[in-house]
Amino acid sequence: MVEADHLGHALLQRGGEAFGAVIERWPSALVEKEIDRGVLAEIVFADSGQLLELERITHPAIINRIGEIASGAEDVVIEIPIILDVPGDWTKVFVDANRAVRLWRAVERGNGEADVRRRMASQPTRDEWLAWCDKTLDNNGSAESLERQINSLWHGLRTTDDGLRS
C-alpha cells in the first residue's frame, strides 16, 4: 500500500524535494534545522491560500512518486486523504464516515479538537468526495465492518478486473 501522506512527509524532510521551497516560503516552519510539520500545519490550515501554495509545491512530486511505485506493481492500493487525481486507470474509493465520527476518532488519537476542526474545514466536502469516487465504503461502524467491506470490494475488483491497474 502506498500512503500519500508518508510520501509528502518524506518530501518535507531535509534533502526532500520540497524542503528548500517550503523553507523559503515559510521560514518560521524551520525548527532545529528541520521542518516542524506542526508549525507548518498551523500556518497553512489557517489560510486556504497558503494551503494551496503548499499543495502546488508538494503535489506534483507526490504524484510522480506514486507513478514510479505503481509502475512496477501488479496490484497497488494508494491511500490519499484528499482529492488528488493520479494519472492512470484507477478505481477511486471513498471511505465515508459522518463528521461527528471523524471528529471523535481524530480526537481519540490524541489530536486537539480545534486543530481537527480546522483541518476538516479545509478538506473536500462529502458531496465533492462522492462526485469524485467510483465506489464508497461506510466507515461509521466498527473496524471489522469496514474490513469486511474492503475485502468484498477487493475480491470484486480482483475477480472482475474492474478498474485495477496492472
N, C-alpha and C. Protein backbone atom coordinates (compact mmCIF):
# COMPACT_ATOMS: atom_id res chain seq x y z
N MET A 1 0.85 -1.18 0.00
CA MET A 1 0.00 0.00 0.00
C MET A 1 0.89 1.24 0.00
N VAL A 2 0.51 2.21 -0.78
CA VAL A 2 1.21 3.48 -0.87
C VAL A 2 0.39 4.51 -0.09
N GLU A 3 1.01 5.16 0.87
CA GLU A 3 0.33 6.20 1.63
C GLU A 3 0.87 7.56 1.20
N ALA A 4 0.02 8.34 0.54
CA ALA A 4 0.44 9.64 0.02
C ALA A 4 0.95 10.55 1.14
N ASP A 5 0.35 10.46 2.32
CA ASP A 5 0.82 11.28 3.45
C ASP A 5 2.29 10.99 3.77
N HIS A 6 2.66 9.71 3.76
CA HIS A 6 4.06 9.37 4.06
C HIS A 6 5.00 9.90 2.98
N LEU A 7 4.54 9.85 1.73
CA LEU A 7 5.35 10.41 0.65
C LEU A 7 5.52 11.91 0.85
N GLY A 8 4.43 12.58 1.23
CA GLY A 8 4.50 14.02 1.49
C GLY A 8 5.42 14.36 2.64
N HIS A 9 5.40 13.54 3.68
CA HIS A 9 6.30 13.77 4.82
C HIS A 9 7.75 13.65 4.39
N ALA A 10 8.04 12.65 3.54
CA ALA A 10 9.42 12.46 3.07
C ALA A 10 9.89 13.67 2.25
N LEU A 11 8.99 14.28 1.50
CA LEU A 11 9.35 15.46 0.71
C LEU A 11 9.78 16.63 1.59
N LEU A 12 9.23 16.66 2.81
CA LEU A 12 9.49 17.77 3.72
C LEU A 12 10.73 17.55 4.59
N GLN A 13 11.29 16.35 4.57
CA GLN A 13 12.48 16.08 5.36
C GLN A 13 13.70 16.73 4.71
N ARG A 14 14.71 16.99 5.52
CA ARG A 14 15.95 17.56 5.00
C ARG A 14 16.42 16.69 3.84
N GLY A 15 16.67 17.32 2.69
CA GLY A 15 17.07 16.59 1.49
C GLY A 15 15.89 16.19 0.61
N GLY A 16 14.67 16.33 1.12
CA GLY A 16 13.48 16.01 0.34
C GLY A 16 13.23 17.06 -0.73
N GLU A 17 12.51 16.67 -1.77
CA GLU A 17 12.29 17.56 -2.92
C GLU A 17 11.66 18.90 -2.56
N ALA A 18 10.82 18.93 -1.54
CA ALA A 18 10.10 20.17 -1.22
C ALA A 18 10.74 20.96 -0.08
N PHE A 19 11.76 20.41 0.55
CA PHE A 19 12.34 21.04 1.75
C PHE A 19 12.73 22.49 1.48
N GLY A 20 13.54 22.72 0.47
CA GLY A 20 14.04 24.07 0.20
C GLY A 20 12.94 25.06 -0.12
N ALA A 21 12.00 24.66 -0.98
CA ALA A 21 10.92 25.57 -1.38
C ALA A 21 10.01 25.90 -0.20
N VAL A 22 9.77 24.92 0.66
CA VAL A 22 8.91 25.17 1.83
C VAL A 22 9.60 26.10 2.81
N ILE A 23 10.87 25.89 3.06
CA ILE A 23 11.60 26.76 3.99
C ILE A 23 11.70 28.18 3.43
N GLU A 24 11.90 28.27 2.13
CA GLU A 24 11.96 29.60 1.51
C GLU A 24 10.64 30.33 1.68
N ARG A 25 9.53 29.63 1.51
CA ARG A 25 8.21 30.26 1.59
C ARG A 25 7.77 30.49 3.03
N TRP A 26 8.03 29.51 3.93
CA TRP A 26 7.61 29.60 5.33
C TRP A 26 8.80 29.37 6.25
N PRO A 27 9.70 30.34 6.35
CA PRO A 27 10.91 30.15 7.15
C PRO A 27 10.62 29.87 8.62
N SER A 28 9.48 30.31 9.12
CA SER A 28 9.17 30.07 10.54
C SER A 28 8.88 28.59 10.82
N ALA A 29 8.70 27.79 9.78
CA ALA A 29 8.46 26.35 9.97
C ALA A 29 9.76 25.59 10.21
N LEU A 30 10.90 26.26 10.02
CA LEU A 30 12.20 25.62 10.26
C LEU A 30 12.52 25.70 11.75
N VAL A 31 12.59 24.53 12.38
CA VAL A 31 12.87 24.44 13.81
C VAL A 31 13.99 23.41 13.97
N GLU A 32 15.10 23.83 14.52
CA GLU A 32 16.26 22.96 14.72
C GLU A 32 16.66 22.26 13.42
N LYS A 33 16.73 23.03 12.35
CA LYS A 33 17.19 22.60 11.03
C LYS A 33 16.28 21.59 10.34
N GLU A 34 15.06 21.45 10.83
CA GLU A 34 14.07 20.56 10.22
C GLU A 34 12.75 21.31 10.09
N ILE A 35 11.93 20.89 9.15
CA ILE A 35 10.59 21.46 9.04
C ILE A 35 9.74 20.88 10.15
N ASP A 36 9.18 21.74 10.96
CA ASP A 36 8.25 21.33 12.00
C ASP A 36 6.87 21.28 11.35
N ARG A 37 6.37 20.07 11.09
CA ARG A 37 5.10 19.93 10.37
C ARG A 37 3.94 20.51 11.16
N GLY A 38 4.05 20.52 12.48
CA GLY A 38 3.01 21.12 13.30
C GLY A 38 2.93 22.62 13.09
N VAL A 39 4.08 23.27 13.05
CA VAL A 39 4.13 24.72 12.80
C VAL A 39 3.61 25.00 11.39
N LEU A 40 4.07 24.22 10.42
CA LEU A 40 3.62 24.41 9.04
C LEU A 40 2.10 24.22 8.94
N ALA A 41 1.58 23.21 9.63
CA ALA A 41 0.14 22.95 9.60
C ALA A 41 -0.65 24.12 10.18
N GLU A 42 -0.15 24.69 11.28
CA GLU A 42 -0.84 25.85 11.88
C GLU A 42 -0.95 26.99 10.88
N ILE A 43 0.08 27.17 10.08
CA ILE A 43 0.10 28.26 9.10
C ILE A 43 -0.86 27.97 7.96
N VAL A 44 -0.71 26.80 7.33
CA VAL A 44 -1.46 26.55 6.09
C VAL A 44 -2.92 26.18 6.33
N PHE A 45 -3.24 25.56 7.47
CA PHE A 45 -4.64 25.22 7.70
C PHE A 45 -5.43 26.41 8.22
N ALA A 46 -4.75 27.50 8.52
CA ALA A 46 -5.43 28.73 8.92
C ALA A 46 -5.72 29.63 7.72
N ASP A 47 -5.17 29.29 6.55
CA ASP A 47 -5.30 30.15 5.37
C ASP A 47 -5.33 29.27 4.12
N SER A 48 -6.48 29.19 3.48
CA SER A 48 -6.63 28.29 2.33
C SER A 48 -5.69 28.65 1.18
N GLY A 49 -5.36 29.92 1.04
CA GLY A 49 -4.42 30.33 0.00
C GLY A 49 -3.03 29.75 0.24
N GLN A 50 -2.61 29.75 1.49
CA GLN A 50 -1.30 29.19 1.81
C GLN A 50 -1.31 27.66 1.69
N LEU A 51 -2.45 27.04 2.01
CA LEU A 51 -2.56 25.60 1.82
C LEU A 51 -2.42 25.26 0.33
N LEU A 52 -3.04 26.05 -0.52
CA LEU A 52 -2.90 25.83 -1.97
C LEU A 52 -1.45 26.00 -2.42
N GLU A 53 -0.75 26.95 -1.85
CA GLU A 53 0.67 27.13 -2.18
C GLU A 53 1.48 25.90 -1.80
N LEU A 54 1.23 25.37 -0.61
CA LEU A 54 1.94 24.16 -0.19
C LEU A 54 1.61 22.99 -1.11
N GLU A 55 0.35 22.87 -1.48
CA GLU A 55 -0.06 21.79 -2.39
C GLU A 55 0.61 21.93 -3.75
N ARG A 56 0.77 23.16 -4.23
CA ARG A 56 1.46 23.37 -5.52
C ARG A 56 2.92 22.94 -5.46
N ILE A 57 3.50 23.04 -4.28
CA ILE A 57 4.88 22.61 -4.10
C ILE A 57 4.98 21.09 -3.98
N THR A 58 4.09 20.49 -3.22
CA THR A 58 4.23 19.06 -2.89
C THR A 58 3.50 18.10 -3.81
N HIS A 59 2.33 18.47 -4.30
CA HIS A 59 1.52 17.50 -5.05
C HIS A 59 2.17 16.95 -6.31
N PRO A 60 2.82 17.76 -7.14
CA PRO A 60 3.46 17.16 -8.33
C PRO A 60 4.48 16.08 -7.97
N ALA A 61 5.25 16.31 -6.94
CA ALA A 61 6.26 15.32 -6.54
C ALA A 61 5.59 14.07 -5.97
N ILE A 62 4.51 14.24 -5.21
CA ILE A 62 3.78 13.09 -4.67
C ILE A 62 3.21 12.26 -5.82
N ILE A 63 2.59 12.92 -6.79
CA ILE A 63 2.00 12.22 -7.93
C ILE A 63 3.09 11.47 -8.71
N ASN A 64 4.23 12.11 -8.94
CA ASN A 64 5.34 11.44 -9.64
C ASN A 64 5.81 10.21 -8.89
N ARG A 65 5.95 10.33 -7.58
CA ARG A 65 6.43 9.19 -6.78
C ARG A 65 5.42 8.05 -6.79
N ILE A 66 4.13 8.36 -6.70
CA ILE A 66 3.11 7.32 -6.78
C ILE A 66 3.22 6.59 -8.12
N GLY A 67 3.39 7.34 -9.19
CA GLY A 67 3.53 6.75 -10.51
C GLY A 67 4.73 5.82 -10.60
N GLU A 68 5.85 6.23 -10.02
CA GLU A 68 7.05 5.40 -10.02
C GLU A 68 6.80 4.08 -9.27
N ILE A 69 6.18 4.17 -8.12
CA ILE A 69 5.92 2.98 -7.31
C ILE A 69 4.92 2.07 -8.02
N ALA A 70 3.86 2.66 -8.55
CA ALA A 70 2.79 1.87 -9.18
C ALA A 70 3.25 1.21 -10.47
N SER A 71 4.18 1.83 -11.17
CA SER A 71 4.59 1.28 -12.47
C SER A 71 5.24 -0.09 -12.34
N GLY A 72 5.81 -0.40 -11.21
CA GLY A 72 6.44 -1.69 -11.02
C GLY A 72 5.58 -2.68 -10.25
N ALA A 73 4.35 -2.33 -9.97
CA ALA A 73 3.50 -3.19 -9.14
C ALA A 73 2.39 -3.84 -9.97
N GLU A 74 2.08 -5.09 -9.62
CA GLU A 74 0.96 -5.76 -10.29
C GLU A 74 -0.36 -5.17 -9.81
N ASP A 75 -0.52 -5.10 -8.50
CA ASP A 75 -1.71 -4.51 -7.87
C ASP A 75 -1.21 -3.49 -6.86
N VAL A 76 -1.89 -2.39 -6.77
CA VAL A 76 -1.46 -1.38 -5.81
C VAL A 76 -2.68 -0.65 -5.26
N VAL A 77 -2.61 -0.36 -3.97
CA VAL A 77 -3.62 0.45 -3.30
C VAL A 77 -2.92 1.72 -2.87
N ILE A 78 -3.54 2.85 -3.19
CA ILE A 78 -2.98 4.15 -2.82
C ILE A 78 -3.95 4.83 -1.87
N GLU A 79 -3.48 5.16 -0.69
CA GLU A 79 -4.32 5.86 0.27
C GLU A 79 -3.99 7.34 0.16
N ILE A 80 -5.01 8.12 -0.23
CA ILE A 80 -4.84 9.56 -0.43
C ILE A 80 -5.91 10.27 0.39
N PRO A 81 -5.53 11.11 1.34
CA PRO A 81 -6.52 11.74 2.21
C PRO A 81 -7.21 12.97 1.62
N ILE A 82 -6.88 13.31 0.39
CA ILE A 82 -7.50 14.45 -0.28
C ILE A 82 -7.86 14.04 -1.70
N ILE A 83 -8.64 14.85 -2.37
CA ILE A 83 -8.93 14.56 -3.77
C ILE A 83 -7.70 14.94 -4.57
N LEU A 84 -7.07 13.93 -5.11
CA LEU A 84 -5.84 14.11 -5.88
C LEU A 84 -5.90 13.14 -7.04
N ASP A 85 -6.00 13.65 -8.23
CA ASP A 85 -6.10 12.78 -9.39
C ASP A 85 -4.71 12.35 -9.83
N VAL A 86 -4.50 11.05 -9.75
CA VAL A 86 -3.26 10.43 -10.15
C VAL A 86 -3.47 9.86 -11.54
N PRO A 87 -2.60 10.18 -12.50
CA PRO A 87 -2.78 9.66 -13.85
C PRO A 87 -2.84 8.13 -13.86
N GLY A 88 -3.68 7.60 -14.71
CA GLY A 88 -3.83 6.15 -14.83
C GLY A 88 -5.27 5.74 -14.67
N ASP A 89 -5.49 4.46 -14.81
CA ASP A 89 -6.83 3.89 -14.73
C ASP A 89 -7.01 3.28 -13.35
N TRP A 90 -7.62 4.05 -12.45
CA TRP A 90 -7.76 3.65 -11.06
C TRP A 90 -9.24 3.56 -10.68
N THR A 91 -9.55 2.66 -9.78
CA THR A 91 -10.85 2.67 -9.12
C THR A 91 -10.69 3.54 -7.89
N LYS A 92 -11.44 4.62 -7.81
CA LYS A 92 -11.32 5.57 -6.70
C LYS A 92 -12.39 5.24 -5.65
N VAL A 93 -11.94 4.96 -4.44
CA VAL A 93 -12.82 4.54 -3.36
C VAL A 93 -12.82 5.61 -2.28
N PHE A 94 -14.00 6.00 -1.87
CA PHE A 94 -14.16 6.96 -0.78
C PHE A 94 -14.61 6.20 0.45
N VAL A 95 -13.84 6.30 1.53
CA VAL A 95 -14.22 5.69 2.81
C VAL A 95 -14.94 6.78 3.59
N ASP A 96 -16.25 6.61 3.70
CA ASP A 96 -17.15 7.64 4.21
C ASP A 96 -17.47 7.43 5.69
N ALA A 97 -17.39 8.49 6.46
CA ALA A 97 -17.85 8.49 7.85
C ALA A 97 -18.41 9.88 8.12
N ASN A 98 -19.44 9.93 8.93
CA ASN A 98 -20.03 11.24 9.18
C ASN A 98 -19.07 12.11 9.99
N ARG A 99 -19.32 13.38 9.96
CA ARG A 99 -18.43 14.38 10.55
C ARG A 99 -18.17 14.13 12.03
N ALA A 100 -19.22 13.80 12.78
CA ALA A 100 -19.06 13.58 14.22
C ALA A 100 -18.16 12.38 14.50
N VAL A 101 -18.31 11.32 13.74
CA VAL A 101 -17.48 10.13 13.91
C VAL A 101 -16.02 10.46 13.59
N ARG A 102 -15.80 11.17 12.49
CA ARG A 102 -14.44 11.55 12.10
C ARG A 102 -13.78 12.40 13.18
N LEU A 103 -14.53 13.37 13.69
CA LEU A 103 -14.00 14.25 14.73
C LEU A 103 -13.66 13.46 15.98
N TRP A 104 -14.58 12.62 16.43
CA TRP A 104 -14.36 11.83 17.64
C TRP A 104 -13.13 10.94 17.48
N ARG A 105 -13.00 10.26 16.35
CA ARG A 105 -11.86 9.36 16.14
C ARG A 105 -10.53 10.11 16.13
N ALA A 106 -10.51 11.27 15.50
CA ALA A 106 -9.26 12.05 15.46
C ALA A 106 -8.88 12.55 16.84
N VAL A 107 -9.85 12.98 17.63
CA VAL A 107 -9.57 13.44 18.99
C VAL A 107 -9.11 12.26 19.85
N GLU A 108 -9.72 11.10 19.66
CA GLU A 108 -9.31 9.90 20.40
C GLU A 108 -7.87 9.50 20.10
N ARG A 109 -7.38 9.83 18.90
CA ARG A 109 -5.99 9.53 18.53
C ARG A 109 -5.02 10.55 19.11
N GLY A 110 -5.55 11.54 19.87
CA GLY A 110 -4.66 12.48 20.54
C GLY A 110 -4.57 13.85 19.88
N ASN A 111 -5.36 14.10 18.87
CA ASN A 111 -5.35 15.40 18.21
C ASN A 111 -6.26 16.37 18.95
N GLY A 112 -5.90 17.64 18.95
CA GLY A 112 -6.74 18.65 19.59
C GLY A 112 -7.99 18.92 18.77
N GLU A 113 -9.11 19.08 19.43
CA GLU A 113 -10.38 19.25 18.71
C GLU A 113 -10.36 20.47 17.80
N ALA A 114 -9.83 21.58 18.26
CA ALA A 114 -9.78 22.80 17.43
C ALA A 114 -8.94 22.56 16.18
N ASP A 115 -7.80 21.87 16.33
CA ASP A 115 -6.94 21.57 15.19
C ASP A 115 -7.67 20.66 14.21
N VAL A 116 -8.35 19.65 14.72
CA VAL A 116 -9.08 18.72 13.84
C VAL A 116 -10.17 19.47 13.08
N ARG A 117 -10.90 20.32 13.77
CA ARG A 117 -11.97 21.09 13.10
C ARG A 117 -11.39 21.99 11.99
N ARG A 118 -10.25 22.61 12.27
CA ARG A 118 -9.61 23.49 11.28
C ARG A 118 -9.19 22.68 10.05
N ARG A 119 -8.62 21.51 10.27
CA ARG A 119 -8.20 20.66 9.16
C ARG A 119 -9.41 20.15 8.38
N MET A 120 -10.44 19.75 9.09
CA MET A 120 -11.63 19.24 8.42
C MET A 120 -12.27 20.33 7.55
N ALA A 121 -12.20 21.57 8.01
CA ALA A 121 -12.79 22.68 7.25
C ALA A 121 -12.07 22.89 5.93
N SER A 122 -10.82 22.49 5.84
CA SER A 122 -10.05 22.67 4.61
C SER A 122 -10.19 21.49 3.65
N GLN A 123 -10.84 20.43 4.11
CA GLN A 123 -10.97 19.22 3.29
C GLN A 123 -12.17 19.31 2.36
N PRO A 124 -12.15 18.49 1.30
CA PRO A 124 -13.32 18.45 0.42
C PRO A 124 -14.58 18.05 1.18
N THR A 125 -15.72 18.50 0.70
CA THR A 125 -16.98 18.13 1.32
C THR A 125 -17.34 16.69 0.95
N ARG A 126 -18.28 16.14 1.68
CA ARG A 126 -18.75 14.78 1.37
C ARG A 126 -19.27 14.72 -0.06
N ASP A 127 -20.02 15.73 -0.48
CA ASP A 127 -20.55 15.75 -1.85
C ASP A 127 -19.43 15.77 -2.88
N GLU A 128 -18.36 16.51 -2.61
CA GLU A 128 -17.22 16.53 -3.54
C GLU A 128 -16.56 15.15 -3.63
N TRP A 129 -16.41 14.48 -2.47
CA TRP A 129 -15.85 13.12 -2.48
C TRP A 129 -16.74 12.18 -3.27
N LEU A 130 -18.05 12.25 -3.03
CA LEU A 130 -18.98 11.35 -3.72
C LEU A 130 -18.97 11.57 -5.22
N ALA A 131 -18.81 12.81 -5.65
CA ALA A 131 -18.73 13.11 -7.09
C ALA A 131 -17.43 12.58 -7.69
N TRP A 132 -16.37 12.51 -6.92
CA TRP A 132 -15.05 12.09 -7.38
C TRP A 132 -14.90 10.58 -7.46
N CYS A 133 -15.51 9.87 -6.52
CA CYS A 133 -15.21 8.44 -6.36
C CYS A 133 -16.03 7.55 -7.29
N ASP A 134 -15.53 6.32 -7.42
CA ASP A 134 -16.23 5.28 -8.17
C ASP A 134 -17.01 4.37 -7.23
N LYS A 135 -16.50 4.20 -6.04
CA LYS A 135 -17.10 3.30 -5.05
C LYS A 135 -17.02 3.97 -3.68
N THR A 136 -17.95 3.59 -2.79
CA THR A 136 -17.98 4.16 -1.45
C THR A 136 -18.07 3.05 -0.42
N LEU A 137 -17.31 3.17 0.65
CA LEU A 137 -17.39 2.26 1.79
C LEU A 137 -17.86 3.05 3.00
N ASP A 138 -18.72 2.42 3.82
CA ASP A 138 -19.27 3.07 5.01
C ASP A 138 -18.37 2.79 6.20
N ASN A 139 -17.82 3.84 6.79
CA ASN A 139 -16.92 3.70 7.93
C ASN A 139 -17.50 4.32 9.20
N ASN A 140 -18.81 4.25 9.34
CA ASN A 140 -19.44 4.75 10.56
C ASN A 140 -19.52 3.68 11.64
N GLY A 141 -19.24 2.44 11.29
CA GLY A 141 -19.35 1.33 12.23
C GLY A 141 -18.00 0.90 12.76
N SER A 142 -17.89 -0.39 12.98
CA SER A 142 -16.68 -0.96 13.58
C SER A 142 -15.59 -1.16 12.55
N ALA A 143 -14.38 -1.36 13.05
CA ALA A 143 -13.25 -1.68 12.17
C ALA A 143 -13.50 -2.99 11.44
N GLU A 144 -14.15 -3.92 12.12
CA GLU A 144 -14.45 -5.21 11.49
C GLU A 144 -15.42 -5.05 10.32
N SER A 145 -16.40 -4.18 10.48
CA SER A 145 -17.36 -3.93 9.40
C SER A 145 -16.64 -3.33 8.18
N LEU A 146 -15.78 -2.37 8.42
CA LEU A 146 -15.03 -1.76 7.32
C LEU A 146 -14.12 -2.80 6.67
N GLU A 147 -13.49 -3.63 7.47
CA GLU A 147 -12.61 -4.66 6.90
C GLU A 147 -13.38 -5.62 6.00
N ARG A 148 -14.60 -5.99 6.40
CA ARG A 148 -15.43 -6.87 5.55
C ARG A 148 -15.74 -6.19 4.23
N GLN A 149 -16.06 -4.89 4.28
CA GLN A 149 -16.36 -4.15 3.05
C GLN A 149 -15.14 -4.07 2.14
N ILE A 150 -13.98 -3.82 2.73
CA ILE A 150 -12.75 -3.74 1.96
C ILE A 150 -12.46 -5.07 1.28
N ASN A 151 -12.57 -6.16 2.05
CA ASN A 151 -12.31 -7.48 1.49
C ASN A 151 -13.27 -7.81 0.36
N SER A 152 -14.52 -7.45 0.53
CA SER A 152 -15.52 -7.69 -0.52
C SER A 152 -15.20 -6.87 -1.77
N LEU A 153 -14.87 -5.61 -1.59
CA LEU A 153 -14.52 -4.76 -2.73
C LEU A 153 -13.28 -5.30 -3.43
N TRP A 154 -12.26 -5.64 -2.65
CA TRP A 154 -11.01 -6.13 -3.23
C TRP A 154 -11.27 -7.42 -4.02
N HIS A 155 -12.05 -8.32 -3.45
CA HIS A 155 -12.38 -9.57 -4.15
C HIS A 155 -13.12 -9.27 -5.46
N GLY A 156 -14.08 -8.35 -5.39
CA GLY A 156 -14.82 -7.98 -6.60
C GLY A 156 -13.93 -7.36 -7.66
N LEU A 157 -13.02 -6.51 -7.26
CA LEU A 157 -12.11 -5.89 -8.21
C LEU A 157 -11.16 -6.92 -8.81
N ARG A 158 -10.69 -7.83 -7.98
CA ARG A 158 -9.73 -8.84 -8.46
C ARG A 158 -10.38 -9.84 -9.40
N THR A 159 -11.64 -10.16 -9.16
CA THR A 159 -12.28 -11.19 -9.99
C THR A 159 -12.90 -10.62 -11.26
N THR A 160 -13.19 -9.32 -11.26
CA THR A 160 -13.79 -8.73 -12.46
C THR A 160 -12.82 -7.83 -13.21
N ASP A 161 -11.65 -7.60 -12.63
CA ASP A 161 -10.68 -6.66 -13.20
C ASP A 161 -11.33 -5.30 -13.42
N ASP A 162 -12.21 -4.92 -12.49
CA ASP A 162 -12.95 -3.67 -12.58
C ASP A 162 -12.10 -2.50 -12.08
N GLY A 163 -11.31 -1.94 -12.97
CA GLY A 163 -10.57 -0.75 -12.62
C GLY A 163 -9.20 -1.01 -12.02
N LEU A 164 -8.82 -2.25 -11.84
CA LEU A 164 -7.49 -2.49 -11.30
C LEU A 164 -6.44 -2.19 -12.35
N ARG A 165 -5.36 -1.66 -11.88
CA ARG A 165 -4.22 -1.34 -12.72
C ARG A 165 -3.31 -2.55 -12.76
N SER A 166 -2.77 -2.86 -13.89
CA SER A 166 -1.81 -3.97 -13.93
C SER A 166 -0.53 -3.54 -14.60
